[in-house]
N, C-alpha and C. Protein backbone atom coordinates (compact mmCIF):
# COMPACT_ATOMS: atom_id res chain seq x y z
N UNK A 1 -9.73 -0.68 -15.84
CA UNK A 1 -10.83 -1.57 -16.12
C UNK A 1 -12.12 -0.82 -15.85
N UNK A 2 -13.11 -1.06 -16.66
CA UNK A 2 -14.38 -0.37 -16.55
C UNK A 2 -15.51 -1.38 -16.69
N UNK A 3 -16.67 -0.99 -16.21
CA UNK A 3 -17.84 -1.84 -16.40
C UNK A 3 -18.41 -1.68 -17.80
N UNK A 4 -17.97 -0.65 -18.51
CA UNK A 4 -18.38 -0.48 -19.89
C UNK A 4 -17.58 -1.42 -20.79
N UNK A 5 -18.20 -1.99 -21.81
CA UNK A 5 -17.45 -2.90 -22.69
C UNK A 5 -16.37 -2.12 -23.45
N UNK A 6 -15.14 -2.51 -23.23
CA UNK A 6 -14.00 -1.89 -23.91
C UNK A 6 -12.79 -2.78 -23.71
N UNK A 7 -11.78 -2.53 -24.51
CA UNK A 7 -10.54 -3.30 -24.36
C UNK A 7 -9.75 -2.78 -23.16
N UNK A 8 -9.06 -3.68 -22.48
CA UNK A 8 -8.20 -3.28 -21.38
C UNK A 8 -7.00 -2.51 -21.93
N UNK A 9 -6.42 -1.61 -21.11
CA UNK A 9 -5.23 -0.88 -21.55
C UNK A 9 -4.07 -1.83 -21.82
N UNK A 10 -3.24 -1.44 -22.77
CA UNK A 10 -2.06 -2.23 -23.11
C UNK A 10 -0.84 -1.47 -22.62
N UNK A 11 -0.04 -2.12 -21.77
CA UNK A 11 1.15 -1.49 -21.21
C UNK A 11 2.09 -1.01 -22.32
N UNK A 12 2.47 0.24 -22.25
CA UNK A 12 3.38 0.82 -23.24
C UNK A 12 2.68 1.49 -24.41
N UNK A 13 1.37 1.25 -24.57
CA UNK A 13 0.62 1.86 -25.66
C UNK A 13 0.06 3.20 -25.18
N UNK A 14 0.60 4.30 -25.68
CA UNK A 14 0.23 5.65 -25.23
C UNK A 14 -1.27 5.90 -25.38
N UNK A 15 -1.87 5.44 -26.46
CA UNK A 15 -3.30 5.72 -26.68
C UNK A 15 -4.19 4.99 -25.70
N UNK A 16 -3.84 3.77 -25.32
CA UNK A 16 -4.72 3.04 -24.40
C UNK A 16 -4.38 3.28 -22.94
N UNK A 17 -3.23 3.87 -22.65
CA UNK A 17 -2.81 4.10 -21.26
C UNK A 17 -2.61 5.57 -20.95
N UNK A 18 -3.22 6.47 -21.70
CA UNK A 18 -2.96 7.90 -21.49
C UNK A 18 -3.48 8.41 -20.15
N UNK A 19 -4.35 7.65 -19.48
CA UNK A 19 -4.86 8.08 -18.18
C UNK A 19 -3.89 7.72 -17.05
N UNK A 20 -2.92 6.87 -17.31
CA UNK A 20 -1.96 6.46 -16.29
C UNK A 20 -0.81 7.46 -16.25
N UNK A 21 -0.60 8.06 -15.09
CA UNK A 21 0.52 8.97 -14.92
C UNK A 21 1.70 8.29 -14.27
N UNK A 22 1.44 7.35 -13.37
CA UNK A 22 2.50 6.75 -12.57
C UNK A 22 2.06 5.37 -12.12
N UNK A 23 2.95 4.41 -12.19
CA UNK A 23 2.72 3.09 -11.64
C UNK A 23 3.58 2.99 -10.38
N UNK A 24 2.94 2.79 -9.25
CA UNK A 24 3.65 2.70 -7.97
C UNK A 24 3.77 1.23 -7.59
N UNK A 25 4.99 0.78 -7.43
CA UNK A 25 5.24 -0.59 -7.00
C UNK A 25 5.42 -0.56 -5.48
N UNK A 26 4.54 -1.23 -4.74
CA UNK A 26 4.65 -1.20 -3.27
C UNK A 26 5.98 -1.78 -2.80
N UNK A 27 6.51 -1.21 -1.72
CA UNK A 27 7.74 -1.72 -1.13
C UNK A 27 7.41 -2.37 0.21
N UNK A 28 8.18 -3.36 0.58
CA UNK A 28 7.92 -4.11 1.81
C UNK A 28 8.41 -3.30 3.01
N UNK A 29 7.56 -3.19 4.02
CA UNK A 29 7.90 -2.50 5.27
C UNK A 29 7.61 -3.43 6.44
N UNK A 30 8.57 -3.56 7.35
CA UNK A 30 8.38 -4.36 8.56
C UNK A 30 7.77 -3.46 9.63
N UNK A 31 6.59 -3.83 10.11
CA UNK A 31 5.91 -3.03 11.13
C UNK A 31 6.29 -3.45 12.54
N UNK A 32 7.07 -4.49 12.66
CA UNK A 32 7.48 -4.99 13.97
C UNK A 32 6.96 -6.39 14.20
N UNK A 33 7.66 -7.13 15.06
CA UNK A 33 7.26 -8.48 15.43
C UNK A 33 7.22 -9.41 14.21
N UNK A 34 8.03 -9.10 13.19
CA UNK A 34 8.07 -9.92 11.99
C UNK A 34 6.88 -9.75 11.07
N UNK A 35 6.05 -8.75 11.31
CA UNK A 35 4.85 -8.51 10.51
C UNK A 35 5.17 -7.49 9.42
N UNK A 36 5.08 -7.92 8.17
CA UNK A 36 5.42 -7.06 7.03
C UNK A 36 4.18 -6.71 6.22
N UNK A 37 4.20 -5.53 5.62
CA UNK A 37 3.17 -5.10 4.69
C UNK A 37 3.85 -4.60 3.43
N UNK A 38 3.11 -4.57 2.35
CA UNK A 38 3.56 -3.94 1.12
C UNK A 38 2.92 -2.57 1.06
N UNK A 39 3.73 -1.51 1.13
CA UNK A 39 3.25 -0.14 1.26
C UNK A 39 3.38 0.61 -0.06
N UNK A 40 2.24 1.07 -0.59
CA UNK A 40 2.23 1.86 -1.82
C UNK A 40 2.24 3.36 -1.50
N UNK A 41 1.51 3.75 -0.47
CA UNK A 41 1.48 5.16 -0.07
C UNK A 41 1.80 5.25 1.40
N UNK A 42 2.52 6.25 1.84
CA UNK A 42 2.97 7.41 1.08
C UNK A 42 4.11 7.05 0.13
N UNK A 43 4.24 7.86 -0.92
CA UNK A 43 5.24 7.67 -1.95
C UNK A 43 5.82 9.03 -2.31
N UNK A 44 7.09 9.09 -2.61
CA UNK A 44 7.76 10.35 -2.92
C UNK A 44 7.17 11.09 -4.10
N UNK A 45 6.60 10.35 -5.06
CA UNK A 45 6.04 11.01 -6.24
C UNK A 45 4.54 11.29 -6.11
N UNK A 46 3.97 10.98 -4.98
CA UNK A 46 2.56 11.29 -4.71
C UNK A 46 2.48 11.93 -3.34
N UNK A 47 2.93 13.17 -3.24
CA UNK A 47 3.02 13.84 -1.95
C UNK A 47 1.74 14.55 -1.55
N UNK A 48 0.69 14.49 -2.37
CA UNK A 48 -0.57 15.12 -1.98
C UNK A 48 -1.26 14.29 -0.90
N UNK A 49 -0.77 13.08 -0.68
CA UNK A 49 -1.29 12.23 0.38
C UNK A 49 -0.52 12.56 1.64
N UNK A 50 -1.23 12.80 2.74
CA UNK A 50 -0.59 13.20 3.99
C UNK A 50 0.35 12.14 4.55
N UNK A 51 1.23 12.52 5.46
CA UNK A 51 2.22 11.59 6.00
C UNK A 51 1.64 10.54 6.93
N UNK A 52 0.38 10.69 7.34
CA UNK A 52 -0.23 9.72 8.24
C UNK A 52 -1.29 8.89 7.54
N UNK A 53 -1.31 8.91 6.22
CA UNK A 53 -2.23 8.10 5.43
C UNK A 53 -1.40 7.03 4.73
N UNK A 54 -1.76 5.77 4.98
CA UNK A 54 -1.02 4.67 4.41
C UNK A 54 -1.95 3.81 3.56
N UNK A 55 -1.44 3.32 2.45
CA UNK A 55 -2.16 2.36 1.62
C UNK A 55 -1.31 1.11 1.59
N UNK A 56 -1.66 0.14 2.43
CA UNK A 56 -0.87 -1.06 2.62
C UNK A 56 -1.65 -2.29 2.17
N UNK A 57 -0.90 -3.32 1.79
CA UNK A 57 -1.48 -4.63 1.53
C UNK A 57 -0.80 -5.60 2.48
N UNK A 58 -1.59 -6.39 3.18
CA UNK A 58 -1.01 -7.37 4.08
C UNK A 58 -1.63 -8.73 3.82
N UNK A 59 -0.90 -9.76 4.21
CA UNK A 59 -1.42 -11.11 4.14
C UNK A 59 -1.03 -11.82 2.86
N UNK A 60 -1.42 -13.04 2.75
CA UNK A 60 -2.20 -13.76 3.76
C UNK A 60 -1.34 -14.08 4.98
N UNK A 61 -1.98 -14.11 6.12
CA UNK A 61 -1.29 -14.41 7.37
C UNK A 61 -2.28 -15.08 8.31
N UNK A 62 -1.79 -15.95 9.17
CA UNK A 62 -2.64 -16.58 10.18
C UNK A 62 -2.17 -16.10 11.55
N UNK A 63 -3.11 -15.67 12.37
CA UNK A 63 -2.81 -15.24 13.73
C UNK A 63 -3.33 -16.28 14.70
N UNK A 64 -2.58 -16.54 15.74
CA UNK A 64 -2.97 -17.50 16.77
C UNK A 64 -3.91 -16.79 17.74
N UNK A 65 -5.03 -17.43 18.05
CA UNK A 65 -6.02 -16.85 18.96
C UNK A 65 -5.38 -16.54 20.30
N UNK A 66 -5.65 -15.34 20.82
CA UNK A 66 -5.15 -14.95 22.13
C UNK A 66 -3.77 -14.32 22.12
N UNK A 67 -3.14 -14.27 20.94
CA UNK A 67 -1.82 -13.65 20.84
C UNK A 67 -1.92 -12.42 19.95
N UNK A 68 -1.29 -11.35 20.36
CA UNK A 68 -1.32 -10.12 19.58
C UNK A 68 0.02 -9.86 18.93
N UNK A 69 0.10 -8.72 18.28
CA UNK A 69 1.32 -8.27 17.64
C UNK A 69 1.87 -7.08 18.40
N UNK A 70 3.15 -6.97 18.47
CA UNK A 70 3.77 -5.79 19.05
C UNK A 70 4.26 -4.92 17.90
N UNK A 71 3.38 -4.09 17.38
CA UNK A 71 3.71 -3.22 16.25
C UNK A 71 4.40 -1.98 16.78
N UNK A 72 5.54 -1.66 16.17
CA UNK A 72 6.30 -0.49 16.61
C UNK A 72 5.48 0.78 16.48
N UNK A 73 5.64 1.73 17.42
CA UNK A 73 4.95 3.01 17.31
C UNK A 73 5.57 3.87 16.22
N UNK A 74 4.77 4.79 15.71
CA UNK A 74 5.26 5.75 14.72
C UNK A 74 6.40 6.55 15.36
N UNK A 75 7.50 6.76 14.65
CA UNK A 75 8.66 7.40 15.28
C UNK A 75 8.44 8.85 15.68
N UNK A 76 7.46 9.54 15.08
CA UNK A 76 7.28 10.97 15.38
C UNK A 76 6.24 11.23 16.45
N UNK A 77 5.13 10.45 16.42
CA UNK A 77 4.02 10.76 17.34
C UNK A 77 3.72 9.65 18.33
N UNK A 78 4.39 8.50 18.19
CA UNK A 78 4.27 7.45 19.19
C UNK A 78 2.99 6.63 19.16
N UNK A 79 2.24 6.64 18.08
CA UNK A 79 1.08 5.76 18.03
C UNK A 79 1.23 4.79 16.87
N UNK A 80 0.58 3.65 16.98
CA UNK A 80 0.66 2.64 15.95
C UNK A 80 -0.70 1.96 15.82
N UNK A 81 -1.09 1.65 14.62
CA UNK A 81 -2.35 0.94 14.40
C UNK A 81 -2.14 -0.11 13.34
N UNK A 82 -2.91 -1.15 13.41
CA UNK A 82 -3.01 -2.16 12.36
C UNK A 82 -4.50 -2.38 12.16
N UNK A 83 -4.97 -2.20 10.96
CA UNK A 83 -6.39 -2.34 10.66
C UNK A 83 -6.62 -3.58 9.83
């Protein structure tokens, strides 16, 4: 999609989708405590992204005030974050 007036790409049409190399379908990952995200990166076919860079989608979710999540630490370096 562009801010310039033009037709949107049509799936399967080589001429309108020639800029697309790969469509990545996010997979569900449990981060712990029943909290799941849909993770697109890292991906096996896009290895130029480092192993500690994640592109996740989360929510919608409601958190109760005063209660946190116990997110599992990364198995290699022992740290965990949720942003």
